[in-house]
N, C-alpha and C. Protein backbone atom coordinates (compact mmCIF):
# COMPACT_ATOMS: atom_id res chain seq x y z
N UNK A 1 0.76 -1.24 0.00
CA UNK A 1 -0.12 -0.02 -0.02
C UNK A 1 0.94 1.40 -0.07
N UNK A 2 0.75 2.16 -0.86
CA UNK A 2 1.39 3.36 -0.95
C UNK A 2 0.88 4.51 -0.21
N UNK A 3 1.48 5.49 -0.07
CA UNK A 3 1.16 6.51 0.73
C UNK A 3 -0.27 7.30 0.36
N UNK A 4 -0.34 7.40 -0.88
CA UNK A 4 -1.74 7.95 -1.41
C UNK A 4 -2.84 7.14 -0.99
N UNK A 5 -2.72 5.91 -1.14
CA UNK A 5 -3.97 4.99 -0.61
C UNK A 5 -4.05 5.06 0.73
N UNK A 6 -3.04 5.09 1.55
CA UNK A 6 -3.13 5.12 2.94
C UNK A 6 -3.79 6.52 3.31
N UNK A 7 -3.38 7.64 2.80
CA UNK A 7 -4.00 8.93 3.09
C UNK A 7 -5.42 8.90 2.80
N UNK A 8 -5.77 8.27 1.64
CA UNK A 8 -7.09 8.30 1.10
C UNK A 8 -8.14 7.39 2.06
N UNK A 9 -7.43 6.23 2.36
CA UNK A 9 -8.25 5.51 3.36
C UNK A 9 -8.44 6.04 4.82
N UNK A 10 -7.22 6.82 5.28
CA UNK A 10 -7.40 7.52 6.42
C UNK A 10 -8.49 8.58 6.48
N UNK A 11 -8.64 9.19 5.33
CA UNK A 11 -9.66 10.31 5.21
C UNK A 11 -10.99 9.73 5.01
N UNK A 12 -11.23 8.59 4.47
CA UNK A 12 -12.61 7.84 4.34
C UNK A 12 -12.86 7.41 5.90
N UNK A 13 -11.93 6.84 6.54
CA UNK A 13 -12.30 6.58 7.98
C UNK A 13 -12.65 7.65 8.79
N UNK A 14 -11.77 8.79 8.64
CA UNK A 14 -12.18 9.91 9.47
C UNK A 14 -13.69 10.54 8.99
N UNK A 15 -14.07 10.42 7.74
CA UNK A 15 -15.18 10.94 7.29
C UNK A 15 -16.39 9.97 7.82
N UNK A 16 -16.12 8.69 7.92
CA UNK A 16 -17.13 7.73 8.43
C UNK A 16 -17.41 8.08 10.00
N UNK A 17 -16.05 8.24 10.69
CA UNK A 17 -16.09 8.70 12.10
C UNK A 17 -16.88 9.94 12.41
N UNK A 18 -16.59 10.96 11.53
CA UNK A 18 -17.26 12.16 11.80
C UNK A 18 -18.84 11.94 11.48
N UNK A 19 -19.30 11.20 10.51
CA UNK A 19 -20.81 10.89 10.32
C UNK A 19 -21.30 10.23 11.60
N UNK A 20 -20.66 9.23 12.15
CA UNK A 20 -21.06 8.62 13.28
C UNK A 20 -21.03 9.48 14.50
N UNK A 21 -20.03 10.40 14.64
CA UNK A 21 -20.04 11.33 15.68
C UNK A 21 -21.20 12.35 15.51
N UNK A 22 -21.57 12.71 14.24
CA UNK A 22 -22.69 13.58 14.06
C UNK A 22 -23.98 12.87 14.41
N UNK A 23 -24.07 11.68 14.05
CA UNK A 23 -25.46 10.91 14.57
C UNK A 23 -25.39 10.71 16.04
N UNK A 24 -24.23 10.49 16.79
CA UNK A 24 -24.19 10.45 18.20
C UNK A 24 -24.49 11.80 18.83
N UNK A 25 -24.05 12.82 18.08
CA UNK A 25 -24.40 14.33 18.66
C UNK A 25 -25.87 14.36 18.51
N UNK A 26 -26.39 13.96 17.38
CA UNK A 26 -27.97 14.07 17.33
C UNK A 26 -28.68 13.37 18.42
N UNK A 27 -28.25 12.32 18.70
CA UNK A 27 -28.97 11.46 19.72
C UNK A 27 -28.73 11.94 20.99
N UNK A 28 -27.60 12.71 21.34
CA UNK A 28 -27.33 13.33 22.59
C UNK A 28 -28.26 14.56 22.80
N UNK A 29 -28.18 15.27 21.66
CA UNK A 29 -29.17 16.53 21.73
C UNK A 29 -30.51 16.20 21.92
N UNK A 30 -31.00 14.88 21.33
CA UNK A 30 -32.41 14.66 21.60
C UNK A 30 -32.58 14.02 23.00
N UNK A 31 -31.52 13.40 23.59
CA UNK A 31 -31.74 13.19 25.08
C UNK A 31 -31.75 14.30 25.95
N UNK A 32 -30.95 15.31 25.46
CA UNK A 32 -30.91 16.65 26.44
C UNK A 32 -32.26 17.17 26.38
N UNK A 33 -32.90 17.24 25.35
CA UNK A 33 -34.32 17.98 25.04
C UNK A 33 -35.16 17.01 25.89
N UNK A 34 -35.15 15.71 25.87
CA UNK A 34 -36.02 14.85 26.54
C UNK A 34 -35.80 15.11 28.08
N UNK A 35 -34.56 15.27 28.55
CA UNK A 35 -34.36 15.31 29.91
C UNK A 35 -35.03 16.77 30.30
N UNK A 36 -34.84 17.82 29.44
CA UNK A 36 -35.38 18.98 29.86
C UNK A 36 -36.81 19.03 29.92
N UNK A 37 -37.41 18.30 29.09
CA UNK A 37 -38.87 18.09 29.04
C UNK A 37 -39.34 17.42 30.44
N UNK A 38 -38.51 16.22 30.59
CA UNK A 38 -38.90 15.60 31.83
C UNK A 38 -38.91 16.42 33.16
N UNK A 39 -37.58 17.27 33.16
CA UNK A 39 -37.64 18.16 34.24
C UNK A 39 -38.66 19.18 34.28
N UNK A 40 -39.13 19.73 33.40
CA UNK A 40 -40.15 20.56 33.37
C UNK A 40 -41.43 19.94 34.01
N UNK A 41 -41.73 18.69 33.51
CA UNK A 41 -43.06 17.94 34.03
C UNK A 41 -42.74 17.74 35.51
N UNK A 42 -41.60 17.44 35.83
CA UNK A 42 -41.43 17.03 37.35
C UNK A 42 -41.56 18.28 38.04
N UNK A 43 -41.35 19.34 37.70
CA UNK A 43 -41.40 20.63 38.41
C UNK A 43 -42.84 21.06 38.52
N UNK A 44 -43.49 20.80 37.30
CA UNK A 44 -45.01 21.05 37.35
C UNK A 44 -45.80 20.27 38.40
N UNK A 45 -45.35 18.87 38.27
CA UNK A 45 -45.97 17.85 39.35
C UNK A 45 -45.57 18.19 40.71
N UNK A 46 -44.35 18.67 41.05
CA UNK A 46 -44.09 18.96 42.26
C UNK A 46 -44.90 20.11 42.85
N UNK A 47 -45.33 21.03 42.00
CA UNK A 47 -46.09 22.10 42.50
C UNK A 47 -47.65 21.60 42.71
N UNK A 48 -47.99 20.68 41.92
CA UNK A 48 -49.34 20.01 42.05
C UNK A 48 -49.25 19.16 43.53
N UNK A 49 -48.16 18.38 43.66
CA UNK A 49 -48.04 17.47 44.81
C UNK A 49 -48.01 18.36 46.20
N UNK A 50 -47.26 19.54 46.03
CA UNK A 50 -47.26 20.37 47.25
C UNK A 50 -48.61 20.86 47.49
N UNK A 51 -49.34 21.49 46.50
CA UNK A 51 -50.75 21.95 46.67
C UNK A 51 -51.57 20.81 47.42
N UNK A 52 -51.62 19.53 46.85
CA UNK A 52 -52.38 18.48 47.39
C UNK A 52 -51.90 18.13 48.86
N UNK A 53 -50.53 18.28 49.05
CA UNK A 53 -50.09 18.12 50.50
C UNK A 53 -50.66 19.11 51.41
N UNK A 54 -50.54 20.40 50.89
CA UNK A 54 -51.11 21.34 51.81
C UNK A 54 -52.62 21.48 52.03
N UNK A 55 -53.36 20.90 50.97
CA UNK A 55 -54.88 20.76 51.31
C UNK A 55 -55.02 19.46 52.12
N UNK A 56 -54.36 18.58 52.27
CA UNK A 56 -54.31 17.29 53.06
C UNK A 56 -54.11 17.79 54.34
N UNK A 57 -52.96 18.58 54.54
CA UNK A 57 -52.73 19.07 55.90
C UNK A 57 -53.97 19.83 56.54
N UNK A 58 -54.58 20.71 55.75
CA UNK A 58 -55.79 21.43 56.07
C UNK A 58 -56.86 20.67 56.45
N UNK A 59 -57.05 19.63 55.67
CA UNK A 59 -58.23 18.66 55.91
C UNK A 59 -58.02 17.94 57.21
N UNK A 60 -56.84 17.59 57.53
CA UNK A 60 -56.52 16.82 58.66
C UNK A 60 -56.60 17.57 59.84
N UNK A 61 -56.29 18.85 59.83
CA UNK A 61 -56.41 19.73 60.96
C UNK A 61 -57.92 19.97 61.27
N UNK A 62 -58.73 20.22 59.79
CA UNK A 62 -59.98 20.39 60.15
C UNK A 62 -60.76 19.23 60.83
N UNK A 63 -60.40 18.01 60.30
CA UNK A 63 -60.91 16.75 60.98
C UNK A 63 -60.48 16.61 62.52
N UNK A 64 -59.39 17.00 62.86
CA UNK A 64 -58.98 16.89 64.16
C UNK A 64 -59.75 17.91 65.17
N UNK A 65 -59.97 19.14 64.45
CA UNK A 65 -60.90 20.06 65.30
C UNK A 65 -62.16 19.59 65.34
N UNK A 66 -62.66 19.05 64.42
CA UNK A 66 -64.13 18.52 64.33
C UNK A 66 -64.14 17.39 65.39
N UNK A 67 -63.10 16.34 65.43
CA UNK A 67 -63.17 15.40 66.38
C UNK A 67 -62.99 15.88 67.85
N UNK A 68 -62.31 16.86 67.97
CA UNK A 68 -62.21 17.40 69.38
C UNK A 68 -63.52 17.99 69.75
N UNK A 69 -64.20 18.77 68.77
CA UNK A 69 -65.53 19.44 69.12
C UNK A 69 -66.56 18.36 69.59
N UNK A 70 -66.56 17.22 68.69
CA UNK A 70 -67.37 16.12 69.12
C UNK A 70 -67.19 15.61 70.25
N UNK A 71 -65.75 15.20 70.62
CA UNK A 71 -65.48 14.81 71.88
C UNK A 71 -65.91 15.75 73.01
N UNK A 72 -65.77 17.05 72.75
CA UNK A 72 -66.21 17.95 73.86
C UNK A 72 -67.79 17.95 74.07
N UNK A 73 -68.53 17.76 72.98
CA UNK A 73 -70.05 17.76 73.04
C UNK A 73 -70.42 16.51 73.67
N UNK A 74 -69.71 15.32 73.41
CA UNK A 74 -70.02 13.96 74.04
C UNK A 74 -69.75 14.19 75.56
N UNK A 75 -68.62 14.78 75.92
CA UNK A 75 -68.28 14.96 77.25
C UNK A 75 -69.24 15.89 78.03
N UNK A 76 -69.77 16.92 77.49
CA UNK A 76 -70.79 17.70 78.11
C UNK A 76 -72.05 17.04 78.08
N UNK A 77 -72.35 16.11 77.24
CA UNK A 77 -73.66 15.47 77.13
C UNK A 77 -73.82 14.52 78.29
N UNK A 78 -72.55 13.91 78.52
CA UNK A 78 -72.57 12.82 79.59
C UNK A 78 -72.60 13.55 81.05
N UNK A 79 -72.09 14.80 81.14
CA UNK A 79 -72.15 15.39 82.42
C UNK A 79 -73.38 16.38 82.62
N UNK A 80 -74.01 16.63 81.47
CA UNK A 80 -75.15 17.47 81.59
C UNK A 80 -76.14 16.86 82.72
N UNK A 81 -76.62 17.67 83.39
CA UNK A 81 -77.52 17.50 84.49
C UNK A 81 -78.77 18.36 83.95
N UNK A 82 -79.94 17.82 83.58
CA UNK A 82 -80.97 18.53 83.37
C UNK A 82 -82.15 18.50 84.52
N UNK A 83 -82.88 19.73 84.57
CA UNK A 83 -83.84 19.85 85.50
C UNK A 83 -85.24 19.54 84.93
N UNK A 84 -86.05 18.79 85.43
CA UNK A 84 -87.30 18.65 85.01
C UNK A 84 -88.26 19.30 85.91
N UNK A 85 -89.15 19.85 85.36
CA UNK A 85 -90.19 20.54 86.13
C UNK A 85 -91.34 19.50 86.26
N UNK A 86 -91.62 19.28 87.47
CA UNK A 86 -92.83 18.32 87.60
C UNK A 86 -93.87 18.95 88.48
N UNK A 87 -94.87 19.44 87.89
CA UNK A 87 -95.94 19.97 88.78
C UNK A 87 -96.87 19.01 89.28
N UNK A 88 -96.93 18.79 90.50
CA UNK A 88 -97.84 17.74 91.10
C UNK A 88 -98.68 18.47 92.12
N UNK A 89 -99.91 18.04 92.23
CA UNK A 89 -100.81 18.51 93.07
C UNK A 89 -100.87 17.57 94.32
N UNK A 90 -100.64 18.24 95.46
CA UNK A 90 -100.59 17.60 96.68
C UNK A 90 -101.89 18.06 97.37
N UNK A 91 -102.83 17.35 97.44
CA UNK A 91 -104.14 17.83 97.96
C UNK A 91 -104.01 17.44 99.78
N UNK A 92 -103.03 16.75 100.02
CA UNK A 92 -102.89 16.53 101.47
C UNK A 92 -102.42 17.64 102.21
N UNK A 93 -101.77 18.72 101.60
CA UNK A 93 -101.41 19.78 102.10
C UNK A 93 -102.27 20.78 102.10
N UNK A 94 -102.97 21.22 103.30
CA UNK A 94 -104.10 22.19 103.09
C UNK A 94 -103.56 23.54 102.80
N UNK A 95 -102.46 23.92 103.13
CA UNK A 95 -101.99 25.32 102.79
C UNK A 95 -101.43 25.52 101.25
N UNK A 96 -101.13 24.64 100.64
CA UNK A 96 -100.75 24.69 99.23
C UNK A 96 -101.67 23.82 98.37
N UNK A 97 -102.30 24.39 97.33
CA UNK A 97 -103.06 23.51 96.42
C UNK A 97 -101.99 22.70 95.52
N UNK A 98 -100.88 23.33 95.16
CA UNK A 98 -100.15 22.59 94.36
C UNK A 98 -98.51 23.05 94.75
N UNK A 99 -97.69 21.95 94.72
CA UNK A 99 -96.34 22.21 94.83
C UNK A 99 -95.36 22.01 93.61
N UNK A 100 -94.54 22.72 93.31
CA UNK A 100 -93.61 22.66 92.17
C UNK A 100 -92.56 21.85 92.65
N UNK A 101 -92.33 20.61 92.14
CA UNK A 101 -91.21 19.77 92.58
C UNK A 101 -90.16 19.80 91.37
N UNK A 102 -88.83 19.93 91.84
CA UNK A 102 -87.92 20.00 90.91
C UNK A 102 -86.99 18.63 91.07
N UNK A 103 -87.02 17.96 89.94
CA UNK A 103 -86.19 16.68 90.15
C UNK A 103 -84.96 16.70 89.14
N UNK A 104 -83.74 16.29 89.54
CA UNK A 104 -82.58 16.16 88.67
C UNK A 104 -82.67 14.92 87.71
N UNK A 105 -82.50 15.28 86.58
CA UNK A 105 -82.51 14.20 85.61
C UNK A 105 -81.02 14.08 85.11
N UNK A 106 -80.50 12.97 85.10
CA UNK A 106 -79.10 12.88 84.37
C UNK A 106 -79.19 12.24 83.09
N UNK A 107 -78.70 12.84 82.11
CA UNK A 107 -78.70 12.42 80.77
C UNK A 107 -77.39 11.55 80.63
N UNK A 108 -77.58 10.26 80.24
CA UNK A 108 -76.55 9.45 80.02
C UNK A 108 -76.72 8.67 78.77
N UNK A 109 -75.93 8.86 77.77
CA UNK A 109 -76.02 8.18 76.42
C UNK A 109 -77.38 8.32 75.69
N UNK A 110 -78.17 7.35 75.51
CA UNK A 110 -79.50 7.45 74.94
C UNK A 110 -80.59 7.07 75.87
N UNK A 111 -80.46 7.07 77.14
CA UNK A 111 -81.35 6.93 78.13
C UNK A 111 -81.42 7.97 79.16
N UNK A 112 -82.46 8.36 79.74
CA UNK A 112 -82.70 9.34 80.78
C UNK A 112 -82.81 8.40 82.10
N UNK A 113 -81.91 8.86 82.98
CA UNK A 113 -81.84 8.18 84.20
C UNK A 113 -82.46 9.08 85.19
N UNK A 114 -83.48 8.48 85.76
CA UNK A 114 -84.17 9.17 87.04
C UNK A 114 -83.82 8.75 88.30
N UNK A 115 -83.02 9.36 88.97
CA UNK A 115 -82.36 8.83 90.11
C UNK A 115 -83.39 8.59 91.35
N UNK A 116 -84.54 9.39 91.35
CA UNK A 116 -85.49 9.12 92.39
C UNK A 116 -86.06 7.83 92.38
N UNK A 117 -86.39 7.41 91.12
CA UNK A 117 -87.20 6.04 90.88
C UNK A 117 -86.18 4.84 90.61
N UNK A 118 -85.10 5.35 89.91
CA UNK A 118 -84.08 4.40 89.51
C UNK A 118 -84.51 3.76 88.36
N UNK A 119 -85.51 4.13 87.53
CA UNK A 119 -85.88 3.61 86.21
C UNK A 119 -85.37 4.31 85.04
N UNK A 120 -85.16 3.65 84.02
CA UNK A 120 -84.66 4.42 82.85
C UNK A 120 -85.84 4.46 81.86
N UNK A 121 -85.80 5.75 81.12
CA UNK A 121 -86.84 6.02 80.17
C UNK A 121 -85.95 6.26 78.85
N UNK A 122 -86.33 5.46 77.80
CA UNK A 122 -85.57 5.55 76.48
C UNK A 122 -85.76 7.16 75.91
N UNK A 123 -84.64 7.61 75.46
CA UNK A 123 -84.82 9.01 75.02
C UNK A 123 -85.27 8.91 73.50
N UNK A 124 -86.27 9.72 73.06
CA UNK A 124 -86.43 9.64 71.84
C UNK A 124 -86.14 10.94 71.23
């Protein structure tokens, strides 16, 4: 092989390598564009996820407040003491034609407990 053939062959090899490098460059540019598009999508989704997270935190706090309010209502309901006015006529007392009797009524869950008689009356 003489010098001219060698030089020509080397130039052809370099041209093939340049063409391959151009193809590789095109692929890398495409990958770069894909990476930027993915990054933009991730940034947008992070904003959405952060918003959802904030709304979930707000909802959790609202639920906690409502649960606490319900607990307080139930606690007050259990401790509540009602006063029932019971007007009864006591004809055996000559001075008074009627006596107003106040009875304490304790409210517990779904029943009214009357401590005087010890009986339970279903609350409706």
